[in-house]
Amino acid sequence: MSKIDVTFVTNGRKAQCAPNPAHPNGIDVDLAHGAKSACLANLPYPAECCGILIARCKTCGASAAITTAGRPDDPRTVTLACKRASSSPAS
């Protein structure tokens, strides 16, 4: 079971441009940027149409909004850095 909830918010439109041929099997979105503590979640791939995927960690509250177009080059996974691990103790 994933620690990350994913919600899709559709805008009801279909993509107007062709997909990027460099990513025929989707992309992996890494928003952890090398963080020591991070979580990976599968995204609904491909999205049903243009919209936004909202990913939120149930443990630390880290979140991100990721756009989709309903094409083969849509995001298929997201990695979020843990907010708890990156916060420093108060002095």
PDB file of N, CA and C in Angstrom:
ATOM      1  N   MET A   1       0.848  -1.185   0.000  1.00  0.00           N
ATOM      2  CA  MET A   1       0.000   0.000   0.000  1.00  0.00           C
ATOM      3  C   MET A   1       0.891   1.244   0.000  1.00  0.00           C
ATOM      4  N   SER A   2       0.567   2.180  -0.864  1.00  0.00           N
ATOM      5  CA  SER A   2       1.377   3.387  -1.011  1.00  0.00           C
ATOM      6  C   SER A   2       1.088   4.389   0.099  1.00  0.00           C
ATOM      7  N   LYS A   3       2.120   5.103   0.478  1.00  0.00           N
ATOM      8  CA  LYS A   3       1.956   6.185   1.440  1.00  0.00           C
ATOM      9  C   LYS A   3       1.470   7.450   0.754  1.00  0.00           C
ATOM     10  N   ILE A   4       1.395   7.430  -0.577  1.00  0.00           N
ATOM     11  CA  ILE A   4       1.027   8.624  -1.337  1.00  0.00           C
ATOM     12  C   ILE A   4      -0.353   8.443  -1.945  1.00  0.00           C
ATOM     13  N   ASP A   5      -1.259   9.374  -1.641  1.00  0.00           N
ATOM     14  CA  ASP A   5      -2.577   9.411  -2.276  1.00  0.00           C
ATOM     15  C   ASP A   5      -2.453  10.218  -3.561  1.00  0.00           C
ATOM     16  N   VAL A   6      -3.102   9.743  -4.614  1.00  0.00           N
ATOM     17  CA  VAL A   6      -3.077  10.456  -5.894  1.00  0.00           C
ATOM     18  C   VAL A   6      -4.511  10.731  -6.317  1.00  0.00           C
ATOM     19  N   THR A   7      -4.794  11.996  -6.616  1.00  0.00           N
ATOM     20  CA  THR A   7      -6.110  12.418  -7.080  1.00  0.00           C
ATOM     21  C   THR A   7      -5.958  13.050  -8.452  1.00  0.00           C
ATOM     22  N   PHE A   8      -6.820  12.676  -9.387  1.00  0.00           N
ATOM     23  CA  PHE A   8      -6.786  13.266 -10.725  1.00  0.00           C
ATOM     24  C   PHE A   8      -7.880  14.316 -10.844  1.00  0.00           C
ATOM     25  N   VAL A   9      -7.489  15.513 -11.282  1.00  0.00           N
ATOM     26  CA  VAL A   9      -8.441  16.596 -11.513  1.00  0.00           C
ATOM     27  C   VAL A   9      -8.440  16.860 -13.014  1.00  0.00           C
ATOM     28  N   THR A  10      -9.541  16.520 -13.655  1.00  0.00           N
ATOM     29  CA  THR A  10      -9.625  16.674 -15.104  1.00  0.00           C
ATOM     30  C   THR A  10     -10.036  18.091 -15.485  1.00  0.00           C
ATOM     31  N   ASN A  11      -9.562  18.526 -16.642  1.00  0.00           N
ATOM     32  CA  ASN A  11     -10.100  19.773 -17.184  1.00  0.00           C
ATOM     33  C   ASN A  11     -10.955  19.472 -18.402  1.00  0.00           C
ATOM     34  N   GLY A  12     -11.120  18.168 -18.716  1.00  0.00           N
ATOM     35  CA  GLY A  12     -12.045  17.741 -19.753  1.00  0.00           C
ATOM     36  C   GLY A  12     -11.565  17.930 -21.174  1.00  0.00           C
ATOM     37  N   ARG A  13     -10.339  18.353 -21.362  1.00  0.00           N
ATOM     38  CA  ARG A  13      -9.832  18.587 -22.725  1.00  0.00           C
ATOM     39  C   ARG A  13      -8.953  17.432 -23.173  1.00  0.00           C
ATOM     40  N   LYS A  14      -8.849  17.259 -24.459  1.00  0.00           N
ATOM     41  CA  LYS A  14      -7.923  16.307 -25.061  1.00  0.00           C
ATOM     42  C   LYS A  14      -6.688  17.084 -25.519  1.00  0.00           C
ATOM     43  N   ALA A  15      -5.544  16.388 -25.546  1.00  0.00           N
ATOM     44  CA  ALA A  15      -4.287  17.022 -25.956  1.00  0.00           C
ATOM     45  C   ALA A  15      -4.384  17.566 -27.379  1.00  0.00           C
ATOM     46  N   GLN A  16      -3.773  18.704 -27.606  1.00  0.00           N
ATOM     47  CA  GLN A  16      -3.772  19.338 -28.924  1.00  0.00           C
ATOM     48  C   GLN A  16      -2.462  19.100 -29.674  1.00  0.00           C
ATOM     49  N   CYS A  17      -1.439  18.630 -28.978  1.00  0.00           N
ATOM     50  CA  CYS A  17      -0.125  18.404 -29.569  1.00  0.00           C
ATOM     51  C   CYS A  17       0.195  16.918 -29.563  1.00  0.00           C
ATOM     52  N   ALA A  18       1.092  16.537 -30.449  1.00  0.00           N
ATOM     53  CA  ALA A  18       1.543  15.149 -30.490  1.00  0.00           C
ATOM     54  C   ALA A  18       2.419  14.862 -29.275  1.00  0.00           C
ATOM     55  N   PRO A  19       2.460  13.600 -28.821  1.00  0.00           N
ATOM     56  CA  PRO A  19       3.314  13.254 -27.680  1.00  0.00           C
ATOM     57  C   PRO A  19       4.791  13.360 -28.051  1.00  0.00           C
ATOM     58  N   ASN A  20       5.622  13.520 -27.038  1.00  0.00           N
ATOM     59  CA  ASN A  20       7.063  13.588 -27.227  1.00  0.00           C
ATOM     60  C   ASN A  20       7.562  12.188 -27.574  1.00  0.00           C
ATOM     61  N   PRO A  21       8.129  11.995 -28.768  1.00  0.00           N
ATOM     62  CA  PRO A  21       8.570  10.648 -29.161  1.00  0.00           C
ATOM     63  C   PRO A  21       9.738  10.125 -28.325  1.00  0.00           C
ATOM     64  N   ALA A  22      10.407  10.984 -27.570  1.00  0.00           N
ATOM     65  CA  ALA A  22      11.518  10.550 -26.717  1.00  0.00           C
ATOM     66  C   ALA A  22      11.022   9.787 -25.491  1.00  0.00           C
ATOM     67  N   HIS A  23       9.709   9.849 -25.214  1.00  0.00           N
ATOM     68  CA  HIS A  23       9.144   9.198 -24.023  1.00  0.00           C
ATOM     69  C   HIS A  23       7.905   8.381 -24.388  1.00  0.00           C
ATOM     70  N   PRO A  24       8.067   7.339 -25.207  1.00  0.00           N
ATOM     71  CA  PRO A  24       6.895   6.564 -25.645  1.00  0.00           C
ATOM     72  C   PRO A  24       6.248   5.732 -24.550  1.00  0.00           C
ATOM     73  N   ASN A  25       6.952   5.536 -23.433  1.00  0.00           N
ATOM     74  CA  ASN A  25       6.418   4.743 -22.320  1.00  0.00           C
ATOM     75  C   ASN A  25       6.247   5.576 -21.071  1.00  0.00           C
ATOM     76  N   GLY A  26       6.065   6.865 -21.201  1.00  0.00           N
ATOM     77  CA  GLY A  26       5.846   7.743 -20.066  1.00  0.00           C
ATOM     78  C   GLY A  26       7.147   8.215 -19.439  1.00  0.00           C
ATOM     79  N   ILE A  27       7.001   9.042 -18.407  1.00  0.00           N
ATOM     80  CA  ILE A  27       8.160   9.586 -17.698  1.00  0.00           C
ATOM     81  C   ILE A  27       8.018   9.318 -16.202  1.00  0.00           C
ATOM     82  N   ASP A  28       9.149   9.300 -15.529  1.00  0.00           N
ATOM     83  CA  ASP A  28       9.192   9.174 -14.081  1.00  0.00           C
ATOM     84  C   ASP A  28       9.554  10.549 -13.528  1.00  0.00           C
ATOM     85  N   VAL A  29       8.699  11.103 -12.695  1.00  0.00           N
ATOM     86  CA  VAL A  29       8.914  12.441 -12.142  1.00  0.00           C
ATOM     87  C   VAL A  29       9.605  12.290 -10.786  1.00  0.00           C
ATOM     88  N   ASP A  30      10.833  12.808 -10.692  1.00  0.00           N
ATOM     89  CA  ASP A  30      11.607  12.727  -9.449  1.00  0.00           C
ATOM     90  C   ASP A  30      11.659  14.104  -8.815  1.00  0.00           C
ATOM     91  N   LEU A  31      10.857  14.292  -7.783  1.00  0.00           N
ATOM     92  CA  LEU A  31      10.829  15.558  -7.065  1.00  0.00           C
ATOM     93  C   LEU A  31      11.595  15.465  -5.750  1.00  0.00           C
ATOM     94  N   ALA A  32      12.312  14.358  -5.548  1.00  0.00           N
ATOM     95  CA  ALA A  32      13.081  14.161  -4.325  1.00  0.00           C
ATOM     96  C   ALA A  32      14.458  14.812  -4.427  1.00  0.00           C
ATOM     97  N   HIS A  33      14.957  14.977  -5.640  1.00  0.00           N
ATOM     98  CA  HIS A  33      16.248  15.651  -5.873  1.00  0.00           C
ATOM     99  C   HIS A  33      17.350  15.120  -4.973  1.00  0.00           C
ATOM    100  N   GLY A  34      17.464  13.792  -4.885  1.00  0.00           N
ATOM    101  CA  GLY A  34      18.534  13.170  -4.117  1.00  0.00           C
ATOM    102  C   GLY A  34      18.316  13.092  -2.616  1.00  0.00           C
ATOM    103  N   ALA A  35      17.127  13.382  -2.151  1.00  0.00           N
ATOM    104  CA  ALA A  35      16.842  13.311  -0.707  1.00  0.00           C
ATOM    105  C   ALA A  35      17.088  11.896  -0.185  1.00  0.00           C
ATOM    106  N   LYS A  36      17.556  11.808   1.049  1.00  0.00           N
ATOM    107  CA  LYS A  36      17.845  10.499   1.645  1.00  0.00           C
ATOM    108  C   LYS A  36      16.573   9.717   1.945  1.00  0.00           C
ATOM    109  N   SER A  37      15.477  10.408   2.215  1.00  0.00           N
ATOM    110  CA  SER A  37      14.214   9.758   2.515  1.00  0.00           C
ATOM    111  C   SER A  37      13.164  10.227   1.517  1.00  0.00           C
ATOM    112  N   ALA A  38      12.588   9.277   0.777  1.00  0.00           N
ATOM    113  CA  ALA A  38      11.611   9.614  -0.252  1.00  0.00           C
ATOM    114  C   ALA A  38      10.671   8.441  -0.470  1.00  0.00           C
ATOM    115  N   CYS A  39       9.528   8.718  -1.092  1.00  0.00           N
ATOM    116  CA  CYS A  39       8.555   7.682  -1.427  1.00  0.00           C
ATOM    117  C   CYS A  39       8.229   7.752  -2.911  1.00  0.00           C
ATOM    118  N   LEU A  40       7.966   6.588  -3.483  1.00  0.00           N
ATOM    119  CA  LEU A  40       7.626   6.458  -4.890  1.00  0.00           C
ATOM    120  C   LEU A  40       6.173   6.009  -5.001  1.00  0.00           C
ATOM    121  N   ALA A  41       5.431   6.590  -5.935  1.00  0.00           N
ATOM    122  CA  ALA A  41       4.044   6.174  -6.173  1.00  0.00           C
ATOM    123  C   ALA A  41       3.799   6.016  -7.665  1.00  0.00           C
ATOM    124  N   ASN A  42       3.051   4.983  -8.016  1.00  0.00           N
ATOM    125  CA  ASN A  42       2.600   4.828  -9.392  1.00  0.00           C
ATOM    126  C   ASN A  42       1.460   5.802  -9.630  1.00  0.00           C
ATOM    127  N   LEU A  43       1.419   6.349 -10.832  1.00  0.00           N
ATOM    128  CA  LEU A  43       0.356   7.277 -11.209  1.00  0.00           C
ATOM    129  C   LEU A  43      -0.556   6.587 -12.211  1.00  0.00           C
ATOM    130  N   PRO A  44      -1.813   7.017 -12.307  1.00  0.00           N
ATOM    131  CA  PRO A  44      -2.690   6.439 -13.330  1.00  0.00           C
ATOM    132  C   PRO A  44      -2.136   6.815 -14.704  1.00  0.00           C
ATOM    133  N   TYR A  45      -1.732   5.816 -15.465  1.00  0.00           N
ATOM    134  CA  TYR A  45      -1.023   6.067 -16.720  1.00  0.00           C
ATOM    135  C   TYR A  45      -1.651   5.285 -17.851  1.00  0.00           C
ATOM    136  N   PRO A  46      -1.815   5.914 -19.019  1.00  0.00           N
ATOM    137  CA  PRO A  46      -1.817   7.373 -19.183  1.00  0.00           C
ATOM    138  C   PRO A  46      -3.089   7.955 -18.592  1.00  0.00           C
ATOM    139  N   ALA A  47      -3.046   9.227 -18.338  1.00  0.00           N
ATOM    140  CA  ALA A  47      -4.234   9.897 -17.796  1.00  0.00           C
ATOM    141  C   ALA A  47      -5.349   9.859 -18.837  1.00  0.00           C
ATOM    142  N   GLU A  48      -6.579   9.996 -18.379  1.00  0.00           N
ATOM    143  CA  GLU A  48      -7.717   9.922 -19.304  1.00  0.00           C
ATOM    144  C   GLU A  48      -7.791  11.113 -20.253  1.00  0.00           C
ATOM    145  N   CYS A  49      -7.246  12.259 -19.829  1.00  0.00           N
ATOM    146  CA  CYS A  49      -7.253  13.464 -20.653  1.00  0.00           C
ATOM    147  C   CYS A  49      -6.332  14.495 -19.998  1.00  0.00           C
ATOM    148  N   CYS A  50      -6.364  15.707 -20.468  1.00  0.00           N
ATOM    149  CA  CYS A  50      -5.563  16.772 -19.856  1.00  0.00           C
ATOM    150  C   CYS A  50      -6.079  17.033 -18.439  1.00  0.00           C
ATOM    151  N   GLY A  51      -5.156  17.291 -17.542  1.00  0.00           N
ATOM    152  CA  GLY A  51      -5.544  17.567 -16.168  1.00  0.00           C
ATOM    153  C   GLY A  51      -4.347  17.656 -15.252  1.00  0.00           C
ATOM    154  N   ILE A  52      -4.611  17.495 -13.977  1.00  0.00           N
ATOM    155  CA  ILE A  52      -3.573  17.599 -12.952  1.00  0.00           C
ATOM    156  C   ILE A  52      -3.694  16.402 -12.019  1.00  0.00           C
ATOM    157  N   LEU A  53      -2.552  15.785 -11.744  1.00  0.00           N
ATOM    158  CA  LEU A  53      -2.476  14.740 -10.729  1.00  0.00           C
ATOM    159  C   LEU A  53      -1.960  15.401  -9.456  1.00  0.00           C
ATOM    160  N   ILE A  54      -2.685  15.254  -8.372  1.00  0.00           N
ATOM    161  CA  ILE A  54      -2.246  15.803  -7.093  1.00  0.00           C
ATOM    162  C   ILE A  54      -1.785  14.632  -6.241  1.00  0.00           C
ATOM    163  N   ALA A  55      -0.494  14.645  -5.899  1.00  0.00           N
ATOM    164  CA  ALA A  55       0.103  13.586  -5.086  1.00  0.00           C
ATOM    165  C   ALA A  55       0.391  14.156  -3.708  1.00  0.00           C
ATOM    166  N   ARG A  56      -0.077  13.451  -2.660  1.00  0.00           N
ATOM    167  CA  ARG A  56       0.121  13.924  -1.280  1.00  0.00           C
ATOM    168  C   ARG A  56       0.497  12.737  -0.400  1.00  0.00           C
ATOM    169  N   CYS A  57       1.611  12.903   0.332  1.00  0.00           N
ATOM    170  CA  CYS A  57       2.061  11.858   1.251  1.00  0.00           C
ATOM    171  C   CYS A  57       1.159  11.842   2.488  1.00  0.00           C
ATOM    172  N   LYS A  58       0.658  10.659   2.831  1.00  0.00           N
ATOM    173  CA  LYS A  58      -0.211  10.516   3.999  1.00  0.00           C
ATOM    174  C   LYS A  58       0.564  10.606   5.305  1.00  0.00           C
ATOM    175  N   THR A  59       1.875  10.446   5.254  1.00  0.00           N
ATOM    176  CA  THR A  59       2.698  10.459   6.457  1.00  0.00           C
ATOM    177  C   THR A  59       3.211  11.853   6.797  1.00  0.00           C
ATOM    178  N   CYS A  60       3.835  12.523   5.822  1.00  0.00           N
ATOM    179  CA  CYS A  60       4.483  13.805   6.129  1.00  0.00           C
ATOM    180  C   CYS A  60       3.802  15.019   5.514  1.00  0.00           C
ATOM    181  N   GLY A  61       2.867  14.811   4.591  1.00  0.00           N
ATOM    182  CA  GLY A  61       2.157  15.927   3.986  1.00  0.00           C
ATOM    183  C   GLY A  61       2.815  16.522   2.761  1.00  0.00           C
ATOM    184  N   ALA A  62       3.960  15.992   2.327  1.00  0.00           N
ATOM    185  CA  ALA A  62       4.590  16.490   1.098  1.00  0.00           C
ATOM    186  C   ALA A  62       3.589  16.345  -0.039  1.00  0.00           C
ATOM    187  N   SER A  63       3.568  17.315  -0.940  1.00  0.00           N
ATOM    188  CA  SER A  63       2.612  17.246  -2.039  1.00  0.00           C
ATOM    189  C   SER A  63       3.182  17.865  -3.301  1.00  0.00           C
ATOM    190  N   ALA A  64       2.566  17.497  -4.417  1.00  0.00           N
ATOM    191  CA  ALA A  64       2.964  18.041  -5.714  1.00  0.00           C
ATOM    192  C   ALA A  64       1.777  17.968  -6.651  1.00  0.00           C
ATOM    193  N   ALA A  65       1.741  18.882  -7.604  1.00  0.00           N
ATOM    194  CA  ALA A  65       0.747  18.859  -8.676  1.00  0.00           C
ATOM    195  C   ALA A  65       1.510  18.605  -9.970  1.00  0.00           C
ATOM    196  N   ILE A  66       1.062  17.609 -10.726  1.00  0.00           N
ATOM    197  CA  ILE A  66       1.757  17.179 -11.934  1.00  0.00           C
ATOM    198  C   ILE A  66       0.762  17.215 -13.086  1.00  0.00           C
ATOM    199  N   THR A  67       1.108  17.916 -14.151  1.00  0.00           N
ATOM    200  CA  THR A  67       0.189  18.024 -15.279  1.00  0.00           C
ATOM    201  C   THR A  67       0.236  16.780 -16.156  1.00  0.00           C
ATOM    202  N   THR A  68      -0.895  16.508 -16.796  1.00  0.00           N
ATOM    203  CA  THR A  68      -1.017  15.386 -17.720  1.00  0.00           C
ATOM    204  C   THR A  68      -1.688  15.857 -18.999  1.00  0.00           C
ATOM    205  N   ALA A  69      -1.544  15.046 -20.042  1.00  0.00           N
ATOM    206  CA  ALA A  69      -2.179  15.382 -21.308  1.00  0.00           C
ATOM    207  C   ALA A  69      -2.967  14.215 -21.896  1.00  0.00           C
ATOM    208  N   GLY A  70      -2.956  13.066 -21.206  1.00  0.00           N
ATOM    209  CA  GLY A  70      -3.664  11.906 -21.742  1.00  0.00           C
ATOM    210  C   GLY A  70      -2.938  11.314 -22.943  1.00  0.00           C
ATOM    211  N   ARG A  71      -1.604  11.341 -22.904  1.00  0.00           N
ATOM    212  CA  ARG A  71      -0.791  10.846 -24.022  1.00  0.00           C
ATOM    213  C   ARG A  71       0.237   9.837 -23.504  1.00  0.00           C
ATOM    214  N   PRO A  72       0.921   9.138 -24.415  1.00  0.00           N
ATOM    215  CA  PRO A  72       1.940   8.168 -23.996  1.00  0.00           C
ATOM    216  C   PRO A  72       3.109   8.784 -23.219  1.00  0.00           C
ATOM    217  N   ASP A  73       3.345  10.064 -23.351  1.00  0.00           N
ATOM    218  CA  ASP A  73       4.459  10.702 -22.640  1.00  0.00           C
ATOM    219  C   ASP A  73       4.045  11.281 -21.283  1.00  0.00           C
ATOM    220  N   ASP A  74       2.888  10.882 -20.788  1.00  0.00           N
ATOM    221  CA  ASP A  74       2.429  11.316 -19.457  1.00  0.00           C
ATOM    222  C   ASP A  74       3.326  10.744 -18.359  1.00  0.00           C
ATOM    223  N   PRO A  75       3.310  11.368 -17.174  1.00  0.00           N
ATOM    224  CA  PRO A  75       4.029  10.807 -16.025  1.00  0.00           C
ATOM    225  C   PRO A  75       3.420   9.471 -15.615  1.00  0.00           C
ATOM    226  N   ARG A  76       4.302   8.522 -15.241  1.00  0.00           N
ATOM    227  CA  ARG A  76       3.814   7.208 -14.783  1.00  0.00           C
ATOM    228  C   ARG A  76       4.149   6.952 -13.319  1.00  0.00           C
ATOM    229  N   THR A  77       5.176   7.642 -12.790  1.00  0.00           N
ATOM    230  CA  THR A  77       5.508   7.553 -11.370  1.00  0.00           C
ATOM    231  C   THR A  77       5.930   8.925 -10.862  1.00  0.00           C
ATOM    232  N   VAL A  78       5.842   9.098  -9.534  1.00  0.00           N
ATOM    233  CA  VAL A  78       6.350  10.313  -8.901  1.00  0.00           C
ATOM    234  C   VAL A  78       7.097   9.907  -7.633  1.00  0.00           C
ATOM    235  N   THR A  79       8.225  10.574  -7.390  1.00  0.00           N
ATOM    236  CA  THR A  79       8.989  10.380  -6.166  1.00  0.00           C
ATOM    237  C   THR A  79       8.981  11.696  -5.399  1.00  0.00           C
ATOM    238  N   LEU A  80       8.509  11.631  -4.145  1.00  0.00           N
ATOM    239  CA  LEU A  80       8.446  12.817  -3.290  1.00  0.00           C
ATOM    240  C   LEU A  80       9.428  12.675  -2.135  1.00  0.00           C
ATOM    241  N   ALA A  81      10.138  13.758  -1.829  1.00  0.00           N
ATOM    242  CA  ALA A  81      11.038  13.778  -0.671  1.00  0.00           C
ATOM    243  C   ALA A  81      10.197  13.880   0.595  1.00  0.00           C
ATOM    244  N   CYS A  82      10.656  13.234   1.655  1.00  0.00           N
ATOM    245  CA  CYS A  82       9.963  13.291   2.934  1.00  0.00           C
ATOM    246  C   CYS A  82      10.203  14.648   3.598  1.00  0.00           C
ATOM    247  N   LYS A  83       9.127  15.335   3.967  1.00  0.00           N
ATOM    248  CA  LYS A  83       9.263  16.620   4.652  1.00  0.00           C
ATOM    249  C   LYS A  83       9.795  16.455   6.064  1.00  0.00           C
ATOM    250  N   ARG A  84       9.472  15.338   6.712  1.00  0.00           N
ATOM    251  CA  ARG A  84       9.943  15.098   8.074  1.00  0.00           C
ATOM    252  C   ARG A  84      11.462  14.930   8.099  1.00  0.00           C
ATOM    253  N   ALA A  85      11.994  14.202   7.130  1.00  0.00           N
ATOM    254  CA  ALA A  85      13.427  13.941   7.091  1.00  0.00           C
ATOM    255  C   ALA A  85      14.216  15.194   6.756  1.00  0.00           C
ATOM    256  N   SER A  86      13.622  16.122   6.015  1.00  0.00           N
ATOM    257  CA  SER A  86      14.354  17.317   5.595  1.00  0.00           C
ATOM    258  C   SER A  86      14.246  18.453   6.592  1.00  0.00           C
ATOM    259  N   SER A  87      13.309  18.354   7.529  1.00  0.00           N
ATOM    260  CA  SER A  87      13.169  19.444   8.505  1.00  0.00           C
ATOM    261  C   SER A  87      14.195  19.279   9.620  1.00  0.00           C
ATOM    262  N   SER A  88      14.747  20.396  10.037  1.00  0.00           N
ATOM    263  CA  SER A  88      15.744  20.337  11.103  1.00  0.00           C
ATOM    264  C   SER A  88      15.078  20.627  12.436  1.00  0.00           C
ATOM    265  N   PRO A  89      15.617  20.085  13.501  1.00  0.00           N
ATOM    266  CA  PRO A  89      15.028  20.339  14.822  1.00  0.00           C
ATOM    267  C   PRO A  89      15.154  21.804  15.213  1.00  0.00           C
ATOM    268  N   ALA A  90      14.200  22.272  15.937  1.00  0.00           N
ATOM    269  CA  ALA A  90      14.220  23.665  16.388  1.00  0.00           C
ATOM    270  C   ALA A  90      15.328  23.859  17.420  1.00  0.00           C
ATOM    271  N   SER A  91      15.965  25.024  17.365  1.00  0.00           N
ATOM    272  CA  SER A  91      17.026  25.283  18.343  1.00  0.00           C
ATOM    273  C   SER A  91      16.595  26.261  19.382  1.00  0.00           C
TER     274      SER A  91
END
